[in-house]
Amino acid sequence: MRVNDSRLYKISFINKDKVYDIFAKQVYESDLYGFLAVEEIVFGNASEIVIDPSEEKLKAEFDGVKRSFIPLHSVVRIDEVKERGVCKISDYDDGTNVAVFPSASGSGGSKE
């Protein structure tokens, strides 16, 4: 059910020790248990004069993707926004308030 097609969401999530910020028109809980479905990812126009290499990398990574499934434990934040900002990939900084959800394969702790 589509109530408002003009909605736009900023999704921040962690992937391979990087923080991804993307914008999409549709975000919802997936039928795949533990995943968030993201559709209609929005990037900048090809006619823009300034090209951001980080956004171009994201554009290439999501090229041809109809729907992306992001693990819920990787999601940092979802905001409904009025305008699209810059899609980017930034380094995960341990000094920030962003924390990675603990996993069984994570490093740390001692083995006895």
PDB file of N, CA and C in Angstrom:
ATOM      1  N   MET A   1       0.838  -1.185   0.000  1.00  0.00           N
ATOM      2  CA  MET A   1       0.000   0.000   0.000  1.00  0.00           C
ATOM      3  C   MET A   1       0.875   1.238   0.000  1.00  0.00           C
ATOM      4  N   ARG A   2       0.747   2.061  -0.981  1.00  0.00           N
ATOM      5  CA  ARG A   2       1.547   3.272  -1.083  1.00  0.00           C
ATOM      6  C   ARG A   2       0.701   4.464  -0.708  1.00  0.00           C
ATOM      7  N   VAL A   3       1.036   5.062   0.416  1.00  0.00           N
ATOM      8  CA  VAL A   3       0.286   6.213   0.883  1.00  0.00           C
ATOM      9  C   VAL A   3       0.850   7.490   0.282  1.00  0.00           C
ATOM     10  N   ASN A   4       2.174   7.600   0.281  1.00  0.00           N
ATOM     11  CA  ASN A   4       2.817   8.819  -0.182  1.00  0.00           C
ATOM     12  C   ASN A   4       4.075   8.462  -0.960  1.00  0.00           C
ATOM     13  N   ASP A   5       4.036   8.556  -2.286  1.00  0.00           N
ATOM     14  CA  ASP A   5       5.177   8.199  -3.117  1.00  0.00           C
ATOM     15  C   ASP A   5       6.303   9.222  -3.054  1.00  0.00           C
ATOM     16  N   SER A   6       6.081  10.356  -2.419  1.00  0.00           N
ATOM     17  CA  SER A   6       7.113  11.386  -2.374  1.00  0.00           C
ATOM     18  C   SER A   6       8.036  11.246  -1.162  1.00  0.00           C
ATOM     19  N   ARG A   7       7.844  10.226  -0.358  1.00  0.00           N
ATOM     20  CA  ARG A   7       8.702  10.027   0.809  1.00  0.00           C
ATOM     21  C   ARG A   7      10.107   9.643   0.376  1.00  0.00           C
ATOM     22  N   LEU A   8      11.074  10.109   1.173  1.00  0.00           N
ATOM     23  CA  LEU A   8      12.475   9.805   0.907  1.00  0.00           C
ATOM     24  C   LEU A   8      13.140   9.500   2.236  1.00  0.00           C
ATOM     25  N   TYR A   9      13.930   8.434   2.263  1.00  0.00           N
ATOM     26  CA  TYR A   9      14.572   7.991   3.498  1.00  0.00           C
ATOM     27  C   TYR A   9      16.080   7.975   3.349  1.00  0.00           C
ATOM     28  N   LYS A  10      16.755   8.364   4.415  1.00  0.00           N
ATOM     29  CA  LYS A  10      18.212   8.240   4.498  1.00  0.00           C
ATOM     30  C   LYS A  10      18.477   7.037   5.391  1.00  0.00           C
ATOM     31  N   ILE A  11      19.201   6.062   4.858  1.00  0.00           N
ATOM     32  CA  ILE A  11      19.509   4.847   5.598  1.00  0.00           C
ATOM     33  C   ILE A  11      21.013   4.799   5.831  1.00  0.00           C
ATOM     34  N   SER A  12      21.417   4.690   7.092  1.00  0.00           N
ATOM     35  CA  SER A  12      22.822   4.540   7.452  1.00  0.00           C
ATOM     36  C   SER A  12      23.011   3.132   7.990  1.00  0.00           C
ATOM     37  N   PHE A  13      24.003   2.414   7.430  1.00  0.00           N
ATOM     38  CA  PHE A  13      24.269   1.052   7.891  1.00  0.00           C
ATOM     39  C   PHE A  13      25.749   0.744   7.764  1.00  0.00           C
ATOM     40  N   ILE A  14      26.170  -0.265   8.490  1.00  0.00           N
ATOM     41  CA  ILE A  14      27.587  -0.653   8.496  1.00  0.00           C
ATOM     42  C   ILE A  14      27.768  -1.859   7.588  1.00  0.00           C
ATOM     43  N   ASN A  15      28.782  -1.766   6.720  1.00  0.00           N
ATOM     44  CA  ASN A  15      29.120  -2.841   5.796  1.00  0.00           C
ATOM     45  C   ASN A  15      30.633  -2.888   5.656  1.00  0.00           C
ATOM     46  N   LYS A  16      31.241  -4.001   6.040  1.00  0.00           N
ATOM     47  CA  LYS A  16      32.691  -4.189   5.913  1.00  0.00           C
ATOM     48  C   LYS A  16      33.479  -3.063   6.583  1.00  0.00           C
ATOM     49  N   ASP A  17      33.153  -2.750   7.821  1.00  0.00           N
ATOM     50  CA  ASP A  17      33.825  -1.717   8.613  1.00  0.00           C
ATOM     51  C   ASP A  17      33.751  -0.321   7.995  1.00  0.00           C
ATOM     52  N   LYS A  18      32.727  -0.089   7.190  1.00  0.00           N
ATOM     53  CA  LYS A  18      32.451   1.228   6.618  1.00  0.00           C
ATOM     54  C   LYS A  18      31.013   1.594   6.934  1.00  0.00           C
ATOM     55  N   VAL A  19      30.732   2.886   7.045  1.00  0.00           N
ATOM     56  CA  VAL A  19      29.371   3.360   7.246  1.00  0.00           C
ATOM     57  C   VAL A  19      28.846   3.842   5.892  1.00  0.00           C
ATOM     58  N   TYR A  20      27.777   3.233   5.435  1.00  0.00           N
ATOM     59  CA  TYR A  20      27.144   3.597   4.167  1.00  0.00           C
ATOM     60  C   TYR A  20      25.960   4.507   4.467  1.00  0.00           C
ATOM     61  N   ASP A  21      25.842   5.604   3.739  1.00  0.00           N
ATOM     62  CA  ASP A  21      24.676   6.485   3.802  1.00  0.00           C
ATOM     63  C   ASP A  21      24.054   6.491   2.417  1.00  0.00           C
ATOM     64  N   ILE A  22      22.827   5.965   2.309  1.00  0.00           N
ATOM     65  CA  ILE A  22      22.131   5.938   1.027  1.00  0.00           C
ATOM     66  C   ILE A  22      20.742   6.532   1.201  1.00  0.00           C
ATOM     67  N   PHE A  23      20.128   6.905   0.092  1.00  0.00           N
ATOM     68  CA  PHE A  23      18.780   7.465   0.088  1.00  0.00           C
ATOM     69  C   PHE A  23      17.906   6.570  -0.774  1.00  0.00           C
ATOM     70  N   ALA A  24      16.690   6.307  -0.284  1.00  0.00           N
ATOM     71  CA  ALA A  24      15.781   5.423  -1.013  1.00  0.00           C
ATOM     72  C   ALA A  24      14.344   5.881  -0.816  1.00  0.00           C
ATOM     73  N   LYS A  25      13.509   5.503  -1.777  1.00  0.00           N
ATOM     74  CA  LYS A  25      12.096   5.868  -1.714  1.00  0.00           C
ATOM     75  C   LYS A  25      11.272   4.859  -0.931  1.00  0.00           C
ATOM     76  N   GLN A  26      11.773   3.631  -0.814  1.00  0.00           N
ATOM     77  CA  GLN A  26      11.008   2.608  -0.089  1.00  0.00           C
ATOM     78  C   GLN A  26      11.922   1.838   0.854  1.00  0.00           C
ATOM     79  N   VAL A  27      11.483   1.732   2.107  1.00  0.00           N
ATOM     80  CA  VAL A  27      12.186   0.970   3.127  1.00  0.00           C
ATOM     81  C   VAL A  27      11.131   0.223   3.931  1.00  0.00           C
ATOM     82  N   TYR A  28      11.319  -1.069   4.097  1.00  0.00           N
ATOM     83  CA  TYR A  28      10.346  -1.839   4.868  1.00  0.00           C
ATOM     84  C   TYR A  28      10.980  -3.126   5.379  1.00  0.00           C
ATOM     85  N   GLU A  29      10.332  -3.717   6.392  1.00  0.00           N
ATOM     86  CA  GLU A  29      10.802  -4.979   6.934  1.00  0.00           C
ATOM     87  C   GLU A  29      10.577  -6.066   5.886  1.00  0.00           C
ATOM     88  N   SER A  30      11.606  -6.826   5.633  1.00  0.00           N
ATOM     89  CA  SER A  30      11.561  -7.842   4.594  1.00  0.00           C
ATOM     90  C   SER A  30      10.871  -9.117   5.073  1.00  0.00           C
ATOM     91  N   ASP A  31      10.432  -9.924   4.111  1.00  0.00           N
ATOM     92  CA  ASP A  31       9.923 -11.245   4.420  1.00  0.00           C
ATOM     93  C   ASP A  31      11.061 -12.173   4.847  1.00  0.00           C
ATOM     94  N   LEU A  32      12.291 -11.804   4.465  1.00  0.00           N
ATOM     95  CA  LEU A  32      13.459 -12.551   4.909  1.00  0.00           C
ATOM     96  C   LEU A  32      13.734 -12.146   6.350  1.00  0.00           C
ATOM     97  N   TYR A  33      13.625 -13.061   7.257  1.00  0.00           N
ATOM     98  CA  TYR A  33      13.740 -12.763   8.679  1.00  0.00           C
ATOM     99  C   TYR A  33      15.069 -12.065   9.003  1.00  0.00           C
ATOM    100  N   GLY A  34      14.978 -10.916   9.676  1.00  0.00           N
ATOM    101  CA  GLY A  34      16.159 -10.200  10.130  1.00  0.00           C
ATOM    102  C   GLY A  34      16.757  -9.248   9.108  1.00  0.00           C
ATOM    103  N   PHE A  35      16.028  -8.973   8.030  1.00  0.00           N
ATOM    104  CA  PHE A  35      16.543  -8.083   6.994  1.00  0.00           C
ATOM    105  C   PHE A  35      15.581  -6.926   6.733  1.00  0.00           C
ATOM    106  N   LEU A  36      16.156  -5.810   6.356  1.00  0.00           N
ATOM    107  CA  LEU A  36      15.409  -4.628   5.948  1.00  0.00           C
ATOM    108  C   LEU A  36      15.486  -4.564   4.420  1.00  0.00           C
ATOM    109  N   ALA A  37      14.369  -4.374   3.766  1.00  0.00           N
ATOM    110  CA  ALA A  37      14.354  -4.254   2.305  1.00  0.00           C
ATOM    111  C   ALA A  37      14.412  -2.778   1.924  1.00  0.00           C
ATOM    112  N   VAL A  38      15.281  -2.459   0.966  1.00  0.00           N
ATOM    113  CA  VAL A  38      15.444  -1.090   0.487  1.00  0.00           C
ATOM    114  C   VAL A  38      15.268  -1.106  -1.028  1.00  0.00           C
ATOM    115  N   GLU A  39      14.341  -0.276  -1.525  1.00  0.00           N
ATOM    116  CA  GLU A  39      14.072  -0.206  -2.958  1.00  0.00           C
ATOM    117  C   GLU A  39      14.168   1.228  -3.450  1.00  0.00           C
ATOM    118  N   GLU A  40      14.390   1.363  -4.737  1.00  0.00           N
ATOM    119  CA  GLU A  40      14.437   2.655  -5.412  1.00  0.00           C
ATOM    120  C   GLU A  40      15.478   3.580  -4.775  1.00  0.00           C
ATOM    121  N   ILE A  41      16.720   3.112  -4.779  1.00  0.00           N
ATOM    122  CA  ILE A  41      17.822   3.913  -4.250  1.00  0.00           C
ATOM    123  C   ILE A  41      18.022   5.116  -5.161  1.00  0.00           C
ATOM    124  N   VAL A  42      18.191   6.295  -4.549  1.00  0.00           N
ATOM    125  CA  VAL A  42      18.270   7.553  -5.280  1.00  0.00           C
ATOM    126  C   VAL A  42      19.698   8.091  -5.233  1.00  0.00           C
ATOM    127  N   PHE A  43      20.239   8.367  -6.417  1.00  0.00           N
ATOM    128  CA  PHE A  43      21.566   8.968  -6.534  1.00  0.00           C
ATOM    129  C   PHE A  43      21.447  10.317  -7.220  1.00  0.00           C
ATOM    130  N   GLY A  44      22.562  11.052  -7.283  1.00  0.00           N
ATOM    131  CA  GLY A  44      22.575  12.355  -7.932  1.00  0.00           C
ATOM    132  C   GLY A  44      22.388  12.238  -9.426  1.00  0.00           C
ATOM    133  N   ASN A  45      22.125  13.357 -10.051  1.00  0.00           N
ATOM    134  CA  ASN A  45      21.932  13.395 -11.499  1.00  0.00           C
ATOM    135  C   ASN A  45      23.266  13.332 -12.218  1.00  0.00           C
ATOM    136  N   ALA A  46      23.272  12.687 -13.372  1.00  0.00           N
ATOM    137  CA  ALA A  46      24.490  12.606 -14.182  1.00  0.00           C
ATOM    138  C   ALA A  46      24.889  13.974 -14.705  1.00  0.00           C
ATOM    139  N   SER A  47      23.951  14.917 -14.711  1.00  0.00           N
ATOM    140  CA  SER A  47      24.236  16.247 -15.240  1.00  0.00           C
ATOM    141  C   SER A  47      24.910  17.163 -14.221  1.00  0.00           C
ATOM    142  N   GLU A  48      25.047  16.704 -12.966  1.00  0.00           N
ATOM    143  CA  GLU A  48      25.702  17.536 -11.957  1.00  0.00           C
ATOM    144  C   GLU A  48      27.168  17.723 -12.312  1.00  0.00           C
ATOM    145  N   ILE A  49      27.673  18.930 -12.120  1.00  0.00           N
ATOM    146  CA  ILE A  49      29.052  19.251 -12.490  1.00  0.00           C
ATOM    147  C   ILE A  49      30.041  18.601 -11.538  1.00  0.00           C
ATOM    148  N   VAL A  50      29.801  18.690 -10.242  1.00  0.00           N
ATOM    149  CA  VAL A  50      30.703  18.111  -9.253  1.00  0.00           C
ATOM    150  C   VAL A  50      30.338  16.649  -9.051  1.00  0.00           C
ATOM    151  N   ILE A  51      31.328  15.771  -9.237  1.00  0.00           N
ATOM    152  CA  ILE A  51      31.103  14.345  -9.078  1.00  0.00           C
ATOM    153  C   ILE A  51      31.828  13.886  -7.822  1.00  0.00           C
ATOM    154  N   ASP A  52      31.088  13.261  -6.922  1.00  0.00           N
ATOM    155  CA  ASP A  52      31.654  12.748  -5.677  1.00  0.00           C
ATOM    156  C   ASP A  52      32.099  11.301  -5.916  1.00  0.00           C
ATOM    157  N   PRO A  53      33.408  11.000  -5.762  1.00  0.00           N
ATOM    158  CA  PRO A  53      33.890   9.640  -6.010  1.00  0.00           C
ATOM    159  C   PRO A  53      33.230   8.602  -5.109  1.00  0.00           C
ATOM    160  N   SER A  54      32.915   8.974  -3.870  1.00  0.00           N
ATOM    161  CA  SER A  54      32.265   8.051  -2.948  1.00  0.00           C
ATOM    162  C   SER A  54      30.870   7.686  -3.447  1.00  0.00           C
ATOM    163  N   GLU A  55      30.129   8.688  -3.943  1.00  0.00           N
ATOM    164  CA  GLU A  55      28.789   8.418  -4.464  1.00  0.00           C
ATOM    165  C   GLU A  55      28.873   7.595  -5.746  1.00  0.00           C
ATOM    166  N   GLU A  56      29.879   7.842  -6.558  1.00  0.00           N
ATOM    167  CA  GLU A  56      30.043   7.065  -7.786  1.00  0.00           C
ATOM    168  C   GLU A  56      30.342   5.597  -7.466  1.00  0.00           C
ATOM    169  N   LYS A  57      31.110   5.373  -6.394  1.00  0.00           N
ATOM    170  CA  LYS A  57      31.411   4.004  -5.969  1.00  0.00           C
ATOM    171  C   LYS A  57      30.125   3.301  -5.524  1.00  0.00           C
ATOM    172  N   LEU A  58      29.295   4.001  -4.763  1.00  0.00           N
ATOM    173  CA  LEU A  58      28.015   3.439  -4.334  1.00  0.00           C
ATOM    174  C   LEU A  58      27.101   3.176  -5.522  1.00  0.00           C
ATOM    175  N   LYS A  59      27.092   4.110  -6.442  1.00  0.00           N
ATOM    176  CA  LYS A  59      26.254   3.973  -7.642  1.00  0.00           C
ATOM    177  C   LYS A  59      26.649   2.715  -8.419  1.00  0.00           C
ATOM    178  N   ALA A  60      27.940   2.485  -8.544  1.00  0.00           N
ATOM    179  CA  ALA A  60      28.432   1.301  -9.247  1.00  0.00           C
ATOM    180  C   ALA A  60      28.102   0.027  -8.469  1.00  0.00           C
ATOM    181  N   GLU A  61      28.213   0.094  -7.139  1.00  0.00           N
ATOM    182  CA  GLU A  61      27.933  -1.083  -6.308  1.00  0.00           C
ATOM    183  C   GLU A  61      26.460  -1.491  -6.374  1.00  0.00           C
ATOM    184  N   PHE A  62      25.556  -0.504  -6.463  1.00  0.00           N
ATOM    185  CA  PHE A  62      24.129  -0.795  -6.493  1.00  0.00           C
ATOM    186  C   PHE A  62      23.544  -0.754  -7.910  1.00  0.00           C
ATOM    187  N   ASP A  63      24.390  -0.667  -8.927  1.00  0.00           N
ATOM    188  CA  ASP A  63      23.922  -0.639 -10.307  1.00  0.00           C
ATOM    189  C   ASP A  63      23.189  -1.935 -10.640  1.00  0.00           C
ATOM    190  N   GLY A  64      21.981  -1.810 -11.140  1.00  0.00           N
ATOM    191  CA  GLY A  64      21.190  -2.972 -11.530  1.00  0.00           C
ATOM    192  C   GLY A  64      20.473  -3.658 -10.378  1.00  0.00           C
ATOM    193  N   VAL A  65      20.600  -3.118  -9.159  1.00  0.00           N
ATOM    194  CA  VAL A  65      19.942  -3.728  -7.999  1.00  0.00           C
ATOM    195  C   VAL A  65      18.508  -3.213  -7.905  1.00  0.00           C
ATOM    196  N   LYS A  66      17.561  -4.126  -7.929  1.00  0.00           N
ATOM    197  CA  LYS A  66      16.152  -3.750  -7.805  1.00  0.00           C
ATOM    198  C   LYS A  66      15.779  -3.549  -6.342  1.00  0.00           C
ATOM    199  N   ARG A  67      16.264  -4.460  -5.490  1.00  0.00           N
ATOM    200  CA  ARG A  67      15.941  -4.421  -4.062  1.00  0.00           C
ATOM    201  C   ARG A  67      17.159  -4.927  -3.308  1.00  0.00           C
ATOM    202  N   SER A  68      17.541  -4.210  -2.267  1.00  0.00           N
ATOM    203  CA  SER A  68      18.673  -4.619  -1.449  1.00  0.00           C
ATOM    204  C   SER A  68      18.165  -5.038  -0.077  1.00  0.00           C
ATOM    205  N   PHE A  69      18.745  -6.102   0.470  1.00  0.00           N
ATOM    206  CA  PHE A  69      18.372  -6.584   1.791  1.00  0.00           C
ATOM    207  C   PHE A  69      19.531  -6.327   2.740  1.00  0.00           C
ATOM    208  N   ILE A  70      19.282  -5.520   3.753  1.00  0.00           N
ATOM    209  CA  ILE A  70      20.314  -5.120   4.710  1.00  0.00           C
ATOM    210  C   ILE A  70      19.997  -5.783   6.052  1.00  0.00           C
ATOM    211  N   PRO A  71      20.975  -6.458   6.657  1.00  0.00           N
ATOM    212  CA  PRO A  71      20.717  -7.075   7.964  1.00  0.00           C
ATOM    213  C   PRO A  71      20.309  -6.013   8.991  1.00  0.00           C
ATOM    214  N   LEU A  72      19.260  -6.298   9.751  1.00  0.00           N
ATOM    215  CA  LEU A  72      18.756  -5.323  10.729  1.00  0.00           C
ATOM    216  C   LEU A  72      19.829  -4.903  11.725  1.00  0.00           C
ATOM    217  N   HIS A  73      20.702  -5.828  12.126  1.00  0.00           N
ATOM    218  CA  HIS A  73      21.724  -5.471  13.110  1.00  0.00           C
ATOM    219  C   HIS A  73      22.812  -4.557  12.539  1.00  0.00           C
ATOM    220  N   SER A  74      22.828  -4.356  11.212  1.00  0.00           N
ATOM    221  CA  SER A  74      23.795  -3.449  10.593  1.00  0.00           C
ATOM    222  C   SER A  74      23.271  -2.022  10.479  1.00  0.00           C
ATOM    223  N   VAL A  75      21.953  -1.856  10.626  1.00  0.00           N
ATOM    224  CA  VAL A  75      21.348  -0.539  10.455  1.00  0.00           C
ATOM    225  C   VAL A  75      21.669   0.335  11.660  1.00  0.00           C
ATOM    226  N   VAL A  76      22.191   1.523  11.369  1.00  0.00           N
ATOM    227  CA  VAL A  76      22.515   2.483  12.415  1.00  0.00           C
ATOM    228  C   VAL A  76      21.339   3.417  12.637  1.00  0.00           C
ATOM    229  N   ARG A  77      20.749   3.889  11.516  1.00  0.00           N
ATOM    230  CA  ARG A  77      19.687   4.885  11.624  1.00  0.00           C
ATOM    231  C   ARG A  77      18.917   4.986  10.313  1.00  0.00           C
ATOM    232  N   ILE A  78      17.621   5.320  10.429  1.00  0.00           N
ATOM    233  CA  ILE A  78      16.792   5.597   9.260  1.00  0.00           C
ATOM    234  C   ILE A  78      16.056   6.897   9.541  1.00  0.00           C
ATOM    235  N   ASP A  79      16.185   7.861   8.633  1.00  0.00           N
ATOM    236  CA  ASP A  79      15.514   9.156   8.763  1.00  0.00           C
ATOM    237  C   ASP A  79      14.644   9.399   7.537  1.00  0.00           C
ATOM    238  N   GLU A  80      13.448   9.936   7.743  1.00  0.00           N
ATOM    239  CA  GLU A  80      12.656  10.424   6.618  1.00  0.00           C
ATOM    240  C   GLU A  80      13.114  11.853   6.384  1.00  0.00           C
ATOM    241  N   VAL A  81      13.525  12.175   5.163  1.00  0.00           N
ATOM    242  CA  VAL A  81      14.090  13.485   4.850  1.00  0.00           C
ATOM    243  C   VAL A  81      13.284  14.177   3.756  1.00  0.00           C
ATOM    244  N   LYS A  82      13.466  15.493   3.667  1.00  0.00           N
ATOM    245  CA  LYS A  82      12.770  16.269   2.639  1.00  0.00           C
ATOM    246  C   LYS A  82      13.520  16.252   1.316  1.00  0.00           C
ATOM    247  N   GLU A  83      14.858  16.280   1.398  1.00  0.00           N
ATOM    248  CA  GLU A  83      15.677  16.338   0.183  1.00  0.00           C
ATOM    249  C   GLU A  83      16.788  15.306   0.259  1.00  0.00           C
ATOM    250  N   ARG A  84      17.219  14.864  -0.910  1.00  0.00           N
ATOM    251  CA  ARG A  84      18.323  13.918  -0.987  1.00  0.00           C
ATOM    252  C   ARG A  84      19.618  14.634  -0.657  1.00  0.00           C
ATOM    253  N   GLY A  85      20.414  14.013   0.159  1.00  0.00           N
ATOM    254  CA  GLY A  85      21.750  14.518   0.461  1.00  0.00           C
ATOM    255  C   GLY A  85      22.762  13.742  -0.350  1.00  0.00           C
ATOM    256  N   VAL A  86      23.967  13.673   0.147  1.00  0.00           N
ATOM    257  CA  VAL A  86      25.039  12.979  -0.550  1.00  0.00           C
ATOM    258  C   VAL A  86      25.113  11.537  -0.078  1.00  0.00           C
ATOM    259  N   CYS A  87      25.034  10.613  -1.022  1.00  0.00           N
ATOM    260  CA  CYS A  87      25.267   9.211  -0.707  1.00  0.00           C
ATOM    261  C   CYS A  87      26.767   9.058  -0.516  1.00  0.00           C
ATOM    262  N   LYS A  88      27.169   8.371   0.541  1.00  0.00           N
ATOM    263  CA  LYS A  88      28.610   8.280   0.784  1.00  0.00           C
ATOM    264  C   LYS A  88      28.967   7.032   1.560  1.00  0.00           C
ATOM    265  N   ILE A  89      30.249   6.731   1.514  1.00  0.00           N
ATOM    266  CA  ILE A  89      30.837   5.662   2.311  1.00  0.00           C
ATOM    267  C   ILE A  89      31.907   6.332   3.156  1.00  0.00           C
ATOM    268  N   SER A  90      31.837   6.144   4.455  1.00  0.00           N
ATOM    269  CA  SER A  90      32.860   6.730   5.321  1.00  0.00           C
ATOM    270  C   SER A  90      33.431   5.646   6.224  1.00  0.00           C
ATOM    271  N   ASP A  91      34.616   5.904   6.741  1.00  0.00           N
ATOM    272  CA  ASP A  91      35.256   4.946   7.624  1.00  0.00           C
ATOM    273  C   ASP A  91      34.507   4.870   8.946  1.00  0.00           C
ATOM    274  N   TYR A  92      34.424   3.666   9.468  1.00  0.00           N
ATOM    275  CA  TYR A  92      33.842   3.467  10.784  1.00  0.00           C
ATOM    276  C   TYR A  92      34.876   3.925  11.799  1.00  0.00           C
ATOM    277  N   ASP A  93      34.486   4.837  12.683  1.00  0.00           N
ATOM    278  CA  ASP A  93      35.390   5.394  13.683  1.00  0.00           C
ATOM    279  C   ASP A  93      34.966   4.886  15.052  1.00  0.00           C
ATOM    280  N   ASP A  94      35.851   4.147  15.714  1.00  0.00           N
ATOM    281  CA  ASP A  94      35.521   3.596  17.028  1.00  0.00           C
ATOM    282  C   ASP A  94      35.280   4.674  18.072  1.00  0.00           C
ATOM    283  N   GLY A  95      35.685   5.914  17.808  1.00  0.00           N
ATOM    284  CA  GLY A  95      35.508   6.989  18.769  1.00  0.00           C
ATOM    285  C   GLY A  95      34.127   7.634  18.713  1.00  0.00           C
ATOM    286  N   THR A  96      33.260   7.179  17.801  1.00  0.00           N
ATOM    287  CA  THR A  96      31.931   7.769  17.685  1.00  0.00           C
ATOM    288  C   THR A  96      30.929   6.975  18.502  1.00  0.00           C
ATOM    289  N   ASN A  97      29.687   7.395  18.448  1.00  0.00           N
ATOM    290  CA  ASN A  97      28.642   6.687  19.183  1.00  0.00           C
ATOM    291  C   ASN A  97      27.977   5.605  18.336  1.00  0.00           C
ATOM    292  N   VAL A  98      28.566   5.259  17.189  1.00  0.00           N
ATOM    293  CA  VAL A  98      28.055   4.184  16.347  1.00  0.00           C
ATOM    294  C   VAL A  98      28.712   2.894  16.808  1.00  0.00           C
ATOM    295  N   ALA A  99      27.917   1.906  17.157  1.00  0.00           N
ATOM    296  CA  ALA A  99      28.454   0.642  17.643  1.00  0.00           C
ATOM    297  C   ALA A  99      28.009  -0.501  16.753  1.00  0.00           C
ATOM    298  N   VAL A 100      28.916  -1.429  16.496  1.00  0.00           N
ATOM    299  CA  VAL A 100      28.611  -2.617  15.716  1.00  0.00           C
ATOM    300  C   VAL A 100      27.991  -3.648  16.649  1.00  0.00           C
ATOM    301  N   PHE A 101      26.918  -4.272  16.213  1.00  0.00           N
ATOM    302  CA  PHE A 101      26.262  -5.302  16.999  1.00  0.00           C
ATOM    303  C   PHE A 101      27.211  -6.486  17.136  1.00  0.00           C
ATOM    304  N   PRO A 102      27.387  -7.016  18.343  1.00  0.00           N
ATOM    305  CA  PRO A 102      28.321  -8.142  18.523  1.00  0.00           C
ATOM    306  C   PRO A 102      27.882  -9.356  17.721  1.00  0.00           C
ATOM    307  N   SER A 103      28.852 -10.069  17.191  1.00  0.00           N
ATOM    308  CA  SER A 103      28.539 -11.285  16.440  1.00  0.00           C
ATOM    309  C   SER A 103      29.449 -12.415  16.888  1.00  0.00           C
ATOM    310  N   ALA A 104      29.076 -13.614  16.555  1.00  0.00           N
ATOM    311  CA  ALA A 104      29.850 -14.790  16.955  1.00  0.00           C
ATOM    312  C   ALA A 104      31.220 -14.810  16.307  1.00  0.00           C
ATOM    313  N   SER A 105      31.343 -14.199  15.117  1.00  0.00           N
ATOM    314  CA  SER A 105      32.618 -14.211  14.411  1.00  0.00           C
ATOM    315  C   SER A 105      33.475 -12.993  14.741  1.00  0.00           C
ATOM    316  N   GLY A 106      32.998 -12.143  15.632  1.00  0.00           N
ATOM    317  CA  GLY A 106      33.731 -10.920  15.964  1.00  0.00           C
ATOM    318  C   GLY A 106      35.000 -11.215  16.715  1.00  0.00           C
ATOM    319  N   SER A 107      35.948 -10.303  16.616  1.00  0.00           N
ATOM    320  CA  SER A 107      37.192 -10.462  17.353  1.00  0.00           C
ATOM    321  C   SER A 107      37.002  -9.882  18.743  1.00  0.00           C
ATOM    322  N   GLY A 108      37.830 -10.254  19.611  1.00  0.00           N
ATOM    323  CA  GLY A 108      37.744  -9.751  20.979  1.00  0.00           C
ATOM    324  C   GLY A 108      37.442 -10.880  21.927  1.00  0.00           C
ATOM    325  N   GLY A 109      37.755 -10.619  23.151  1.00  0.00           N
ATOM    326  CA  GLY A 109      37.550 -11.653  24.158  1.00  0.00           C
ATOM    327  C   GLY A 109      38.652 -12.680  24.079  1.00  0.00           C
ATOM    328  N   SER A 110      38.837 -13.407  25.133  1.00  0.00           N
ATOM    329  CA  SER A 110      39.900 -14.406  25.141  1.00  0.00           C
ATOM    330  C   SER A 110      39.302 -15.796  25.030  1.00  0.00           C
ATOM    331  N   LYS A 111      40.079 -16.672  24.441  1.00  0.00           N
ATOM    332  CA  LYS A 111      39.670 -18.083  24.325  1.00  0.00           C
ATOM    333  C   LYS A 111      40.360 -18.857  25.419  1.00  0.00           C
ATOM    334  N   GLU A 112      39.612 -19.668  26.110  1.00  0.00           N
ATOM    335  CA  GLU A 112      40.224 -20.446  27.185  1.00  0.00           C
ATOM    336  C   GLU A 112      40.244 -21.890  26.835  1.00  0.00           C
TER     337      GLU A 112
END
